Protein backbone atom coordinates (compact mmCIF):
# COMPACT_ATOMS: atom_id res chain seq x y z
CA UNK A 1 13.62 -41.09 11.46
CA UNK A 2 12.55 -37.71 12.79
CA UNK A 3 9.47 -37.07 14.85
CA UNK A 4 7.96 -34.92 12.13
CA UNK A 5 7.65 -36.90 8.93
CA UNK A 6 7.77 -35.18 5.58
CA UNK A 7 4.59 -35.37 3.61
CA UNK A 8 5.04 -37.52 0.54
CA UNK A 9 3.32 -36.01 -2.47
CA UNK A 10 1.97 -38.08 -5.26
CA UNK A 11 1.71 -36.58 -8.77
CA UNK A 12 -1.98 -35.94 -8.15
CA UNK A 13 -1.21 -33.90 -5.00
CA UNK A 14 1.35 -31.45 -6.41
CA UNK A 15 1.29 -27.94 -5.05
CA UNK A 16 0.42 -25.44 -7.74
CA UNK A 17 0.59 -21.67 -7.90
CA UNK A 18 -2.25 -19.49 -9.02
CA UNK A 19 -1.77 -18.59 -12.67
CA UNK A 20 -4.37 -15.84 -12.86
CA UNK A 21 -2.56 -12.95 -11.16
CA UNK A 22 -4.70 -10.18 -12.63
CA UNK A 23 -7.85 -9.23 -10.85
CA UNK A 24 -11.00 -7.66 -12.23
CA UNK A 25 -10.23 -4.40 -10.40
CA UNK A 26 -7.17 -3.75 -12.56
CA UNK A 27 -9.25 -3.62 -15.72
CA UNK A 28 -11.17 -0.52 -14.67
CA UNK A 29 -9.93 2.93 -15.71
CA UNK A 30 -10.38 4.59 -12.30
CA UNK A 31 -8.03 2.66 -10.04
CA UNK A 32 -8.20 4.04 -6.49
CA UNK A 33 -6.54 1.73 -4.01
CA UNK A 34 -5.41 1.97 -0.41
CA UNK A 35 -1.97 3.32 -1.31
CA UNK A 36 -3.50 6.17 -3.29
CA UNK A 37 -5.81 7.02 -0.40
CA UNK A 38 -2.99 7.07 2.15
CA UNK A 39 -0.82 9.19 -0.16
CA UNK A 40 -3.64 11.68 -0.70
CA UNK A 41 -4.29 11.98 3.03
CA UNK A 42 -0.56 12.45 3.70
CA UNK A 43 -0.26 15.25 1.15
CA UNK A 44 -3.41 16.92 2.48
CA UNK A 45 -2.10 16.75 6.06
CA UNK A 46 1.27 18.18 5.00
CA UNK A 47 -0.48 21.04 3.19
CA UNK A 48 -2.63 21.76 6.23
CA UNK A 49 0.40 21.88 8.53
CA UNK A 50 2.26 24.24 6.19
CA UNK A 51 -0.76 26.50 5.75
CA UNK A 52 -1.79 26.67 9.41
CA UNK A 53 1.56 26.69 11.20
CA UNK A 54 4.53 27.43 8.94
CA UNK A 55 3.05 30.07 6.63
CA UNK A 56 1.95 32.42 9.47
CA UNK A 57 5.45 32.25 10.97
CA UNK A 58 6.97 33.18 7.62
CA UNK A 59 4.43 35.98 7.11
CA UNK A 60 5.26 37.49 10.53
CA UNK A 61 8.97 37.26 9.87
CA UNK A 62 9.60 34.90 12.78
CA UNK A 63 10.73 32.08 10.56
CA UNK A 64 13.29 33.24 7.95
């Protein structure tokens, strides 16, 4: 017999999974989650970098 004994489950102690996977947030029309926020910030940062640093180099003829 091992030091750690397996837990014996009776029918009343069965592990169950949650059946209600949908949350109340998903029912709303405007769904703004963390992934959307991070994606928006990333696109805004990329646009800022292009506008402030890359575009002036192209306009002066240094880049291309």
